[in-house]
């Protein structure tokens, strides 16, 4: 009788080696049951701090706590077997110092059993990225539109509209690469800029509102499933789950009011 080999999770170094190869597929997930579905198709799953807005009704990601990220991170790891799980470091848990970042990132890794963490910032976070990677914590970087800095940016604004601003983005990409990040998310960035960054740095770029030339793509799961009534421009909606849920809830409500539920098949005799 043949023995089935155990499924091995993808690792950060394996994702790093995908530079210039087959496109890297990624989605966010925040709970075990959706993560189990995404796990069949994604190379890595991001437990994004976007959960504050998507799951908890916050206006931005700034209010997300470390405990909240750990709780959702545990759920996603429990629901998956194959994909690398990356957990966002929330605002206020890594900016003060590299030592603070290490303490909090190590807690995330220990308690969730995830394979990497993600943090926002380019040149300003390079020292922290280096500090973490030298101490055994794989880091995915995130530059361009960084939602945790929404108040400084004055809103969710597309980056790189003016070529005069491109140098800063190139410097950010180069800094996180040299610091040891295994990949970098490019968010809300004009297409030519994202494409050029992808060509110039040796680590995989993961686009979200960036360019099809990026080494991979990521979307918020709820956005692409049609649960967000006003998704960003860069989202392609692949399903109408919002409409399906509403139809199902309405049907249930109608049957309860008409005393059609529970029917004979749903009761015990």
Protein backbone atom coordinates (compact mmCIF):
# COMPACT_ATOMS: atom_id res chain seq x y z
CA UNK A 1 0.00 0.00 0.00
CA UNK A 2 1.45 3.36 -0.99
CA UNK A 3 2.04 5.92 1.75
CA UNK A 4 0.90 9.42 0.93
CA UNK A 5 3.65 11.97 1.47
CA UNK A 6 2.80 14.80 3.87
CA UNK A 7 2.06 18.14 2.26
CA UNK A 8 4.86 20.62 2.84
CA UNK A 9 4.13 24.31 3.19
CA UNK A 10 5.77 26.74 0.85
CA UNK A 11 8.45 28.81 2.56
CA UNK A 12 9.66 32.37 2.20
CA UNK A 13 12.89 31.27 0.45
CA UNK A 14 10.83 29.29 -2.07
CA UNK A 15 8.73 32.37 -2.82
CA UNK A 16 11.93 34.42 -3.21
CA UNK A 17 13.18 31.97 -5.86
CA UNK A 18 10.06 32.60 -7.96
CA UNK A 19 11.47 35.90 -9.25
CA UNK A 20 10.84 36.05 -12.97
CA UNK A 21 9.17 32.64 -12.98
CA UNK A 22 5.54 31.55 -12.90
CA UNK A 23 3.34 34.30 -11.45
CA UNK A 24 2.85 34.12 -7.69
CA UNK A 25 -0.80 33.83 -6.64
CA UNK A 26 -1.96 35.34 -3.38
CA UNK A 27 -5.12 36.40 -1.57
CA UNK A 28 -5.94 37.60 1.90
CA UNK A 29 -7.84 35.44 4.34
CA UNK A 30 -8.91 35.97 7.92
CA UNK A 31 -10.66 32.75 8.98
CA UNK A 32 -10.10 29.01 8.73
CA UNK A 33 -12.91 28.06 6.34
CA UNK A 34 -12.06 30.60 3.60
CA UNK A 35 -8.34 29.94 4.10
CA UNK A 36 -8.93 26.23 3.43
CA UNK A 37 -10.44 27.09 0.03
CA UNK A 38 -7.76 29.65 -0.88
CA UNK A 39 -5.08 27.16 0.16
CA UNK A 40 -5.91 25.03 -2.89
CA UNK A 41 -4.84 27.78 -5.30
CA UNK A 42 -2.60 30.35 -3.57
CA UNK A 43 1.16 30.29 -3.12
CA UNK A 44 0.89 32.46 -0.04
CA UNK A 45 -1.99 33.77 2.04
CA UNK A 46 -1.77 37.17 3.70
CA UNK A 47 -3.50 37.71 7.01
CA UNK A 48 -3.71 41.40 6.30
CA UNK A 49 -4.44 44.19 8.74
CA UNK A 50 -7.16 45.05 6.20
CA UNK A 51 -9.20 42.73 8.43
CA UNK A 52 -9.85 45.80 10.58
CA UNK A 53 -11.89 47.32 7.78
CA UNK A 54 -13.20 44.12 6.17
CA UNK A 55 -14.10 42.13 9.28
CA UNK A 56 -14.48 44.71 12.04
CA UNK A 57 -15.90 47.79 10.33
CA UNK A 58 -12.96 50.11 11.06
CA UNK A 59 -12.38 53.16 8.85
CA UNK A 60 -8.70 52.34 8.38
CA UNK A 61 -6.14 49.77 9.45
CA UNK A 62 -4.64 52.03 12.13
CA UNK A 63 -6.83 50.65 14.93
CA UNK A 64 -5.86 47.00 14.41
CA UNK A 65 -4.08 45.43 17.40
CA UNK A 66 -1.44 42.74 17.67
CA UNK A 67 -3.84 40.46 19.55
CA UNK A 68 -6.36 40.77 16.72
CA UNK A 69 -3.74 39.83 14.12
CA UNK A 70 -2.62 36.85 16.18
CA UNK A 71 -6.18 35.58 16.63
CA UNK A 72 -6.90 35.68 12.90
CA UNK A 73 -3.42 34.38 12.06
CA UNK A 74 -3.99 31.29 14.20
CA UNK A 75 -7.28 30.60 12.41
CA UNK A 76 -5.72 30.84 8.95
CA UNK A 77 -2.79 28.59 9.84
CA UNK A 78 -5.19 26.02 11.30
CA UNK A 79 -7.24 26.04 8.10
CA UNK A 80 -4.33 25.58 5.68
CA UNK A 81 -1.68 23.01 4.79
CA UNK A 82 0.14 24.16 1.66
CA UNK A 83 0.39 27.95 1.31
CA UNK A 84 2.91 30.13 3.08
CA UNK A 85 1.02 32.21 5.66
CA UNK A 86 2.21 35.80 6.08
CA UNK A 87 0.86 37.94 8.92
CA UNK A 88 0.80 41.75 8.84
CA UNK A 89 2.49 43.64 11.63
CA UNK A 90 -0.12 46.23 12.70
CA UNK A 91 0.49 49.94 13.16
CA UNK A 92 2.41 50.81 16.31
CA UNK A 93 4.04 47.40 16.82
CA UNK A 94 7.30 47.78 14.88
CA UNK A 95 8.04 51.45 14.10
CA UNK A 96 9.57 52.57 17.41
CA UNK A 97 12.71 50.44 17.22
CA UNK A 98 14.10 47.25 15.68
CA UNK A 99 14.06 45.65 19.14
CA UNK A 100 10.36 46.38 19.58
CA UNK A 101 9.71 45.01 16.11
CA UNK A 102 11.58 41.80 16.91
CA UNK A 103 9.72 41.20 20.18
CA UNK A 104 6.34 41.62 18.51
CA UNK A 105 7.23 39.75 15.32
CA UNK A 106 8.66 36.86 17.33
CA UNK A 107 5.41 36.70 19.30
CA UNK A 108 3.41 36.59 16.06
CA UNK A 109 5.59 33.79 14.66
CA UNK A 110 5.44 31.75 17.89
CA UNK A 111 1.73 32.09 18.57
CA UNK A 112 0.41 31.74 15.02
CA UNK A 113 3.07 29.41 13.55
CA UNK A 114 3.04 31.58 10.40
CA UNK A 115 5.97 31.54 8.00
CA UNK A 116 6.68 35.27 7.66
CA UNK A 117 5.55 38.75 8.66
CA UNK A 118 4.88 41.82 6.54
CA UNK A 119 5.57 45.42 7.44
CA UNK A 120 5.10 48.72 5.67
CA UNK A 121 7.80 51.21 4.76
CA UNK A 122 10.85 51.49 2.55
CA UNK A 123 14.04 53.35 3.42
CA UNK A 124 12.76 54.25 6.88
CA UNK A 125 12.18 50.58 7.77
CA UNK A 126 15.28 49.08 6.16
CA UNK A 127 17.20 48.90 9.45
CA UNK A 128 14.30 47.07 11.08
CA UNK A 129 13.94 44.62 8.19
CA UNK A 130 17.65 43.82 8.41
CA UNK A 131 17.42 43.40 12.20
CA UNK A 132 14.54 40.93 11.85
CA UNK A 133 15.95 38.87 8.99
CA UNK A 134 19.32 38.55 10.71
CA UNK A 135 17.47 37.06 13.67
CA UNK A 136 15.50 34.48 11.75
CA UNK A 137 12.25 36.27 10.89
CA UNK A 138 11.39 36.34 7.17
CA UNK A 139 10.03 39.74 6.14
CA UNK A 140 7.81 40.74 3.25
CA UNK A 141 8.13 44.48 2.63
CA UNK A 142 5.37 46.84 1.49
CA UNK A 143 5.92 50.12 -0.35
CA UNK A 144 3.95 52.56 -2.49
CA UNK A 145 0.57 53.25 -0.97
CA UNK A 146 1.00 52.18 2.65
CA UNK A 147 -2.44 52.17 4.35
CA UNK A 148 -1.04 52.52 7.87
CA UNK A 149 0.28 55.93 6.83
CA UNK A 150 -3.05 57.06 5.41
CA UNK A 151 -3.23 60.09 7.71
CA UNK A 152 0.21 61.32 6.64
CA UNK A 153 -0.56 60.67 2.97
CA UNK A 154 -3.86 62.52 3.21
CA UNK A 155 -5.94 59.54 2.12
CA UNK A 156 -5.66 56.48 -0.10
CA UNK A 157 -3.85 58.17 -2.99
CA UNK A 158 -2.25 56.54 -6.01
CA UNK A 159 1.53 56.79 -5.85
CA UNK A 160 3.83 57.87 -8.68
CA UNK A 161 1.45 60.12 -10.60
CA UNK A 162 4.37 62.49 -11.18
CA UNK A 163 7.69 61.09 -12.41
CA UNK A 164 9.50 63.55 -10.16
CA UNK A 165 8.36 61.35 -7.25
CA UNK A 166 9.63 58.07 -8.71
CA UNK A 167 13.13 58.28 -7.23
CA UNK A 168 11.79 57.82 -3.70
CA UNK A 169 9.96 54.66 -4.70
CA UNK A 170 13.06 53.24 -6.39
CA UNK A 171 15.06 54.04 -3.25
CA UNK A 172 12.45 52.31 -1.10
CA UNK A 173 12.49 49.20 -3.29
CA UNK A 174 16.28 49.06 -3.28
CA UNK A 175 16.49 49.62 0.48
CA UNK A 176 14.13 46.78 1.44
CA UNK A 177 15.86 44.46 -1.02
CA UNK A 178 19.30 45.18 0.40
CA UNK A 179 17.93 44.82 3.94
CA UNK A 180 16.94 41.21 3.24
CA UNK A 181 13.21 41.24 2.48
CA UNK A 182 12.27 38.10 0.54
CA UNK A 183 9.60 39.94 -1.48
CA UNK A 184 7.86 43.31 -1.61
CA UNK A 185 4.25 44.38 -2.08
CA UNK A 186 3.75 47.29 -4.48
CA UNK A 187 0.40 48.90 -3.72
CA UNK A 188 -1.56 51.68 -5.39
CA UNK A 189 1.26 52.56 -7.76
CA UNK A 190 1.09 53.72 -11.39
CA UNK A 191 1.69 50.85 -13.79
CA UNK A 192 4.93 52.04 -15.48
CA UNK A 193 6.61 52.65 -12.13
CA UNK A 194 5.64 49.24 -10.73
CA UNK A 195 6.79 47.52 -13.92
CA UNK A 196 10.16 49.26 -13.82
CA UNK A 197 10.71 48.45 -10.14
CA UNK A 198 9.91 44.81 -10.94
CA UNK A 199 12.55 44.77 -13.66
CA UNK A 200 15.22 46.40 -11.50
CA UNK A 201 15.12 44.52 -8.18
CA UNK A 202 16.08 40.85 -7.66
CA UNK A 203 13.25 39.92 -5.28
CA UNK A 204 9.65 39.16 -6.29
CA UNK A 205 7.20 42.05 -6.44
CA UNK A 206 3.59 41.41 -5.47
CA UNK A 207 1.19 43.84 -7.08
CA UNK A 208 -2.07 45.20 -5.73
CA UNK A 209 -3.23 48.05 -7.91
CA UNK A 210 0.19 48.08 -9.59
CA UNK A 211 1.13 46.18 -12.76
CA UNK A 212 0.51 42.85 -14.52
CA UNK A 213 4.31 42.76 -14.92
CA UNK A 214 4.76 42.24 -11.19
CA UNK A 215 6.01 38.79 -10.20
CA UNK A 216 2.72 38.08 -8.44
CA UNK A 217 -0.64 39.54 -7.54
CA UNK A 218 -2.74 39.84 -4.40
CA UNK A 219 -6.29 40.97 -3.71
CA UNK A 220 -8.47 41.20 -0.64
CA UNK A 221 -10.64 38.07 -0.82
CA UNK A 222 -13.86 39.82 0.15
CA UNK A 223 -13.30 42.46 -2.54
CA UNK A 224 -12.92 39.97 -5.38
CA UNK A 225 -15.89 37.91 -4.12
CA UNK A 226 -18.24 40.87 -4.37
CA UNK A 227 -18.72 41.53 -0.66
CA UNK A 228 -17.49 45.11 -0.91
CA UNK A 229 -20.19 47.34 -2.43
CA UNK A 230 -17.58 49.93 -3.47
CA UNK A 231 -14.30 48.13 -4.26
CA UNK A 232 -11.19 50.05 -5.37
CA UNK A 233 -10.60 50.52 -9.10
CA UNK A 234 -7.85 47.90 -9.15
CA UNK A 235 -10.20 45.12 -8.00
CA UNK A 236 -11.72 42.72 -10.50
CA UNK A 237 -14.87 41.19 -8.99
CA UNK A 238 -14.92 37.45 -9.71
CA UNK A 239 -18.11 36.59 -7.81
CA UNK A 240 -21.35 38.00 -6.45
CA UNK A 241 -21.22 36.53 -2.97
CA UNK A 242 -22.89 39.59 -1.48
CA UNK A 243 -25.95 39.11 -3.64
CA UNK A 244 -26.02 35.37 -2.99
CA UNK A 245 -25.82 35.86 0.78
CA UNK A 246 -28.59 38.45 0.70
CA UNK A 247 -30.84 36.16 -1.37
CA UNK A 248 -30.22 33.26 1.01
CA UNK A 249 -30.89 35.36 4.12
CA UNK A 250 -34.08 36.76 2.58
CA UNK A 251 -35.30 33.26 1.68
CA UNK A 252 -34.64 32.09 5.23
CA UNK A 253 -36.40 35.13 6.70
CA UNK A 254 -39.44 34.59 4.46
CA UNK A 255 -39.72 30.91 5.38
CA UNK A 256 -39.46 31.60 9.10
CA UNK A 257 -42.21 34.22 8.87
CA UNK A 258 -44.39 31.85 6.81
CA UNK A 259 -43.67 28.96 9.23
CA UNK A 260 -42.18 26.91 6.39
CA UNK A 261 -38.92 26.47 8.29
CA UNK A 262 -38.20 24.17 9.95
CA UNK A 263 -39.96 21.65 7.73
CA UNK A 264 -40.36 17.90 8.24
CA UNK A 265 -36.77 17.20 7.14
CA UNK A 266 -35.34 19.57 9.78
CA UNK A 267 -37.13 18.31 12.92
CA UNK A 268 -36.72 15.22 15.12
CA UNK A 269 -39.55 12.73 15.60
